């Protein structure tokens, strides 16, 4: 025989599986057949069937991780948390329309210190936003400028927000 014993055995089992599939057998029967038929054919041919080698999945994962870490592949960085963003949205109502203005985080923190808390600072942002002219195209920039002027003028004491 020119073919290796395992190759001949694989060919016989493969032909039988192909015939089963073509006959319309369901997956369960094909799977059960594939698991047992190789052993039966080996016994008929008088050969010792080698047990299929199952891969060590945990070992493969460990090896892949080791390779990645040794290669120095950069891990993805987590998304920026809202506390670390350069700006924060403050939701306001201008001319009856609900919208958001983006205020620099540092500016919002300074305003919170002056006003006595973040809620009061947001209320102040809402008050300032309502004063913006209707034709303002970049309301966030307009409100930011107005808040900077407000913070730079130390003569105006903080006021309670209106609700």
C-alpha atoms as a PDB file:
ATOM      1  CA  UNK A   1       0.000   0.000   0.000  1.00  0.00           C
ATOM      2  CA  UNK A   2       1.372   3.365  -1.004  1.00  0.00           C
ATOM      3  CA  UNK A   3      -0.871   5.507   1.211  1.00  0.00           C
ATOM      4  CA  UNK A   4      -0.210   5.916   4.912  1.00  0.00           C
ATOM      5  CA  UNK A   5      -2.629   3.950   7.133  1.00  0.00           C
ATOM      6  CA  UNK A   6      -4.122   7.096   8.679  1.00  0.00           C
ATOM      7  CA  UNK A   7      -4.586   8.692   5.270  1.00  0.00           C
ATOM      8  CA  UNK A   8      -6.446   5.636   3.995  1.00  0.00           C
ATOM      9  CA  UNK A   9      -8.573   5.536   7.133  1.00  0.00           C
ATOM     10  CA  UNK A  10      -9.326   9.274   6.797  1.00  0.00           C
ATOM     11  CA  UNK A  11     -10.374   8.734   3.185  1.00  0.00           C
ATOM     12  CA  UNK A  12     -12.785   5.922   4.079  1.00  0.00           C
ATOM     13  CA  UNK A  13     -14.340   7.836   6.974  1.00  0.00           C
ATOM     14  CA  UNK A  14     -14.504  10.997   4.865  1.00  0.00           C
ATOM     15  CA  UNK A  15     -16.299   9.184   2.040  1.00  0.00           C
ATOM     16  CA  UNK A  16     -18.804   7.726   4.491  1.00  0.00           C
ATOM     17  CA  UNK A  17     -19.455  11.143   6.056  1.00  0.00           C
ATOM     18  CA  UNK A  18     -19.904  12.700   2.633  1.00  0.00           C
ATOM     19  CA  UNK A  19     -22.439  10.041   1.740  1.00  0.00           C
ATOM     20  CA  UNK A  20     -24.334  10.692   4.976  1.00  0.00           C
ATOM     21  CA  UNK A  21     -24.435  14.433   4.349  1.00  0.00           C
ATOM     22  CA  UNK A  22     -25.592  13.954   0.773  1.00  0.00           C
ATOM     23  CA  UNK A  23     -28.322  11.606   1.950  1.00  0.00           C
ATOM     24  CA  UNK A  24     -29.766  14.377   4.115  1.00  0.00           C
ATOM     25  CA  UNK A  25     -28.951  12.916   7.521  1.00  0.00           C
ATOM     26  CA  UNK A  26     -29.342  15.318  10.423  1.00  0.00           C
ATOM     27  CA  UNK A  27     -26.431  16.769  12.374  1.00  0.00           C
ATOM     28  CA  UNK A  28     -26.921  14.601  15.426  1.00  0.00           C
ATOM     29  CA  UNK A  29     -26.626  11.360  13.459  1.00  0.00           C
ATOM     30  CA  UNK A  30     -23.668  12.594  11.425  1.00  0.00           C
ATOM     31  CA  UNK A  31     -21.855  13.643  14.604  1.00  0.00           C
ATOM     32  CA  UNK A  32     -22.477  10.329  16.341  1.00  0.00           C
ATOM     33  CA  UNK A  33     -21.405   8.463  13.211  1.00  0.00           C
ATOM     34  CA  UNK A  34     -18.202  10.482  12.887  1.00  0.00           C
ATOM     35  CA  UNK A  35     -17.310   9.802  16.514  1.00  0.00           C
ATOM     36  CA  UNK A  36     -17.678   6.014  16.277  1.00  0.00           C
ATOM     37  CA  UNK A  37     -17.085   5.044  12.639  1.00  0.00           C
ATOM     38  CA  UNK A  38     -13.322   5.673  12.612  1.00  0.00           C
ATOM     39  CA  UNK A  39     -12.829   3.096  15.355  1.00  0.00           C
ATOM     40  CA  UNK A  40     -15.026   0.554  13.569  1.00  0.00           C
ATOM     41  CA  UNK A  41     -13.177   0.940  10.265  1.00  0.00           C
ATOM     42  CA  UNK A  42      -9.835   0.609  12.056  1.00  0.00           C
ATOM     43  CA  UNK A  43     -10.942  -2.667  13.615  1.00  0.00           C
ATOM     44  CA  UNK A  44     -12.235  -4.005  10.263  1.00  0.00           C
ATOM     45  CA  UNK A  45      -8.906  -3.135   8.620  1.00  0.00           C
ATOM     46  CA  UNK A  46      -7.006  -4.642  11.553  1.00  0.00           C
ATOM     47  CA  UNK A  47      -5.328  -1.388  12.489  1.00  0.00           C
ATOM     48  CA  UNK A  48      -4.964   0.466  15.738  1.00  0.00           C
ATOM     49  CA  UNK A  49      -6.864   3.769  15.506  1.00  0.00           C
ATOM     50  CA  UNK A  50      -5.100   6.657  17.120  1.00  0.00           C
ATOM     51  CA  UNK A  51      -7.167   8.680  19.519  1.00  0.00           C
ATOM     52  CA  UNK A  52      -7.775  12.168  18.245  1.00  0.00           C
ATOM     53  CA  UNK A  53      -5.581  14.711  19.948  1.00  0.00           C
ATOM     54  CA  UNK A  54      -7.592  17.440  21.614  1.00  0.00           C
ATOM     55  CA  UNK A  55      -5.822  20.784  21.702  1.00  0.00           C
ATOM     56  CA  UNK A  56      -4.994  22.349  25.056  1.00  0.00           C
ATOM     57  CA  UNK A  57      -7.120  25.472  24.702  1.00  0.00           C
ATOM     58  CA  UNK A  58      -5.926  27.014  27.949  1.00  0.00           C
ATOM     59  CA  UNK A  59      -2.329  26.488  26.876  1.00  0.00           C
ATOM     60  CA  UNK A  60      -3.039  28.059  23.480  1.00  0.00           C
ATOM     61  CA  UNK A  61      -4.583  31.121  25.115  1.00  0.00           C
ATOM     62  CA  UNK A  62      -1.676  31.456  27.539  1.00  0.00           C
ATOM     63  CA  UNK A  63       0.812  31.191  24.685  1.00  0.00           C
ATOM     64  CA  UNK A  64      -1.066  33.781  22.619  1.00  0.00           C
ATOM     65  CA  UNK A  65      -1.143  36.200  25.559  1.00  0.00           C
ATOM     66  CA  UNK A  66       2.543  35.655  26.232  1.00  0.00           C
ATOM     67  CA  UNK A  67       3.346  36.333  22.570  1.00  0.00           C
ATOM     68  CA  UNK A  68       1.266  39.519  22.552  1.00  0.00           C
ATOM     69  CA  UNK A  69       2.802  40.829  25.752  1.00  0.00           C
ATOM     70  CA  UNK A  70       6.346  40.028  24.598  1.00  0.00           C
ATOM     71  CA  UNK A  71       5.704  41.726  21.260  1.00  0.00           C
ATOM     72  CA  UNK A  72       4.767  44.885  23.149  1.00  0.00           C
ATOM     73  CA  UNK A  73       1.409  45.276  21.476  1.00  0.00           C
ATOM     74  CA  UNK A  74      -0.353  48.257  23.006  1.00  0.00           C
ATOM     75  CA  UNK A  75      -3.588  47.431  24.757  1.00  0.00           C
ATOM     76  CA  UNK A  76      -6.557  49.631  23.882  1.00  0.00           C
ATOM     77  CA  UNK A  77      -7.041  52.563  26.206  1.00  0.00           C
ATOM     78  CA  UNK A  78     -10.334  52.869  28.014  1.00  0.00           C
ATOM     79  CA  UNK A  79     -12.680  55.630  26.914  1.00  0.00           C
ATOM     80  CA  UNK A  80     -12.224  58.950  28.626  1.00  0.00           C
ATOM     81  CA  UNK A  81     -14.427  59.291  31.672  1.00  0.00           C
ATOM     82  CA  UNK A  82     -16.683  62.326  31.793  1.00  0.00           C
ATOM     83  CA  UNK A  83     -14.679  63.723  34.715  1.00  0.00           C
ATOM     84  CA  UNK A  84     -11.576  63.851  32.487  1.00  0.00           C
ATOM     85  CA  UNK A  85     -13.162  65.476  29.446  1.00  0.00           C
ATOM     86  CA  UNK A  86     -12.054  68.932  28.404  1.00  0.00           C
ATOM     87  CA  UNK A  87     -15.671  70.098  28.262  1.00  0.00           C
ATOM     88  CA  UNK A  88     -18.925  69.083  29.876  1.00  0.00           C
ATOM     89  CA  UNK A  89     -22.395  69.536  28.471  1.00  0.00           C
ATOM     90  CA  UNK A  90     -24.832  71.662  30.414  1.00  0.00           C
ATOM     91  CA  UNK A  91     -28.411  71.379  29.265  1.00  0.00           C
ATOM     92  CA  UNK A  92     -30.206  74.694  28.921  1.00  0.00           C
ATOM     93  CA  UNK A  93     -33.460  76.079  27.519  1.00  0.00           C
ATOM     94  CA  UNK A  94     -33.040  79.036  25.183  1.00  0.00           C
ATOM     95  CA  UNK A  95     -35.966  80.666  23.382  1.00  0.00           C
ATOM     96  CA  UNK A  96     -38.156  77.748  24.419  1.00  0.00           C
ATOM     97  CA  UNK A  97     -35.781  75.214  22.844  1.00  0.00           C
ATOM     98  CA  UNK A  98     -33.841  72.664  24.873  1.00  0.00           C
ATOM     99  CA  UNK A  99     -30.190  72.526  23.888  1.00  0.00           C
ATOM    100  CA  UNK A 100     -26.773  71.876  25.390  1.00  0.00           C
ATOM    101  CA  UNK A 101     -23.780  74.144  25.742  1.00  0.00           C
ATOM    102  CA  UNK A 102     -20.274  72.770  26.180  1.00  0.00           C
ATOM    103  CA  UNK A 103     -18.437  74.406  29.042  1.00  0.00           C
ATOM    104  CA  UNK A 104     -14.781  73.803  29.840  1.00  0.00           C
ATOM    105  CA  UNK A 105     -14.339  71.515  32.825  1.00  0.00           C
ATOM    106  CA  UNK A 106     -11.911  73.894  34.548  1.00  0.00           C
ATOM    107  CA  UNK A 107     -14.257  76.857  34.000  1.00  0.00           C
ATOM    108  CA  UNK A 108     -17.193  74.875  35.374  1.00  0.00           C
ATOM    109  CA  UNK A 109     -15.157  73.906  38.446  1.00  0.00           C
ATOM    110  CA  UNK A 110     -14.119  77.532  39.045  1.00  0.00           C
ATOM    111  CA  UNK A 111     -17.730  78.619  38.713  1.00  0.00           C
ATOM    112  CA  UNK A 112     -18.824  75.849  41.116  1.00  0.00           C
ATOM    113  CA  UNK A 113     -16.344  77.112  43.708  1.00  0.00           C
ATOM    114  CA  UNK A 114     -17.622  80.647  43.340  1.00  0.00           C
ATOM    115  CA  UNK A 115     -21.309  79.740  43.293  1.00  0.00           C
ATOM    116  CA  UNK A 116     -21.132  77.188  46.095  1.00  0.00           C
ATOM    117  CA  UNK A 117     -21.553  73.912  44.253  1.00  0.00           C
ATOM    118  CA  UNK A 118     -21.946  72.282  40.872  1.00  0.00           C
ATOM    119  CA  UNK A 119     -25.751  72.512  40.824  1.00  0.00           C
ATOM    120  CA  UNK A 120     -25.591  76.255  41.475  1.00  0.00           C
ATOM    121  CA  UNK A 121     -22.906  76.607  38.796  1.00  0.00           C
ATOM    122  CA  UNK A 122     -25.104  74.827  36.257  1.00  0.00           C
ATOM    123  CA  UNK A 123     -28.003  77.081  37.229  1.00  0.00           C
ATOM    124  CA  UNK A 124     -25.763  80.096  36.585  1.00  0.00           C
ATOM    125  CA  UNK A 125     -24.821  78.657  33.166  1.00  0.00           C
ATOM    126  CA  UNK A 126     -28.540  78.351  32.370  1.00  0.00           C
ATOM    127  CA  UNK A 127     -29.137  81.974  33.399  1.00  0.00           C
ATOM    128  CA  UNK A 128     -26.286  83.204  31.236  1.00  0.00           C
ATOM    129  CA  UNK A 129     -27.401  81.051  28.288  1.00  0.00           C
ATOM    130  CA  UNK A 130     -30.885  82.577  28.421  1.00  0.00           C
ATOM    131  CA  UNK A 131     -29.268  86.009  27.982  1.00  0.00           C
ATOM    132  CA  UNK A 132     -27.563  85.016  24.733  1.00  0.00           C
ATOM    133  CA  UNK A 133     -28.794  86.823  21.617  1.00  0.00           C
ATOM    134  CA  UNK A 134     -31.091  84.721  19.388  1.00  0.00           C
ATOM    135  CA  UNK A 135     -28.757  85.129  16.389  1.00  0.00           C
ATOM    136  CA  UNK A 136     -25.818  83.585  18.266  1.00  0.00           C
ATOM    137  CA  UNK A 137     -24.373  80.839  16.065  1.00  0.00           C
ATOM    138  CA  UNK A 138     -21.978  79.354  18.631  1.00  0.00           C
ATOM    139  CA  UNK A 139     -23.838  79.517  21.906  1.00  0.00           C
ATOM    140  CA  UNK A 140     -21.213  77.481  23.788  1.00  0.00           C
ATOM    141  CA  UNK A 141     -18.501  80.019  22.928  1.00  0.00           C
ATOM    142  CA  UNK A 142     -20.792  82.941  23.805  1.00  0.00           C
ATOM    143  CA  UNK A 143     -21.706  81.437  27.193  1.00  0.00           C
ATOM    144  CA  UNK A 144     -18.068  80.555  27.909  1.00  0.00           C
ATOM    145  CA  UNK A 145     -16.965  84.146  27.219  1.00  0.00           C
ATOM    146  CA  UNK A 146     -19.763  85.523  29.386  1.00  0.00           C
ATOM    147  CA  UNK A 147     -18.851  83.164  32.249  1.00  0.00           C
ATOM    148  CA  UNK A 148     -15.178  84.144  32.026  1.00  0.00           C
ATOM    149  CA  UNK A 149     -16.172  87.807  32.262  1.00  0.00           C
ATOM    150  CA  UNK A 150     -18.408  86.965  35.198  1.00  0.00           C
ATOM    151  CA  UNK A 151     -15.594  85.170  37.016  1.00  0.00           C
ATOM    152  CA  UNK A 152     -13.056  87.885  36.278  1.00  0.00           C
ATOM    153  CA  UNK A 153     -15.312  90.589  37.742  1.00  0.00           C
ATOM    154  CA  UNK A 154     -14.952  90.167  41.458  1.00  0.00           C
ATOM    155  CA  UNK A 155     -17.414  92.954  42.180  1.00  0.00           C
ATOM    156  CA  UNK A 156     -20.554  90.885  41.491  1.00  0.00           C
ATOM    157  CA  UNK A 157     -21.418  88.542  44.381  1.00  0.00           C
ATOM    158  CA  UNK A 158     -22.941  85.181  43.582  1.00  0.00           C
ATOM    159  CA  UNK A 159     -26.717  85.118  43.418  1.00  0.00           C
ATOM    160  CA  UNK A 160     -29.165  82.364  44.083  1.00  0.00           C
ATOM    161  CA  UNK A 161     -30.525  80.705  40.983  1.00  0.00           C
ATOM    162  CA  UNK A 162     -34.148  81.114  39.986  1.00  0.00           C
ATOM    163  CA  UNK A 163     -36.237  77.984  39.565  1.00  0.00           C
END
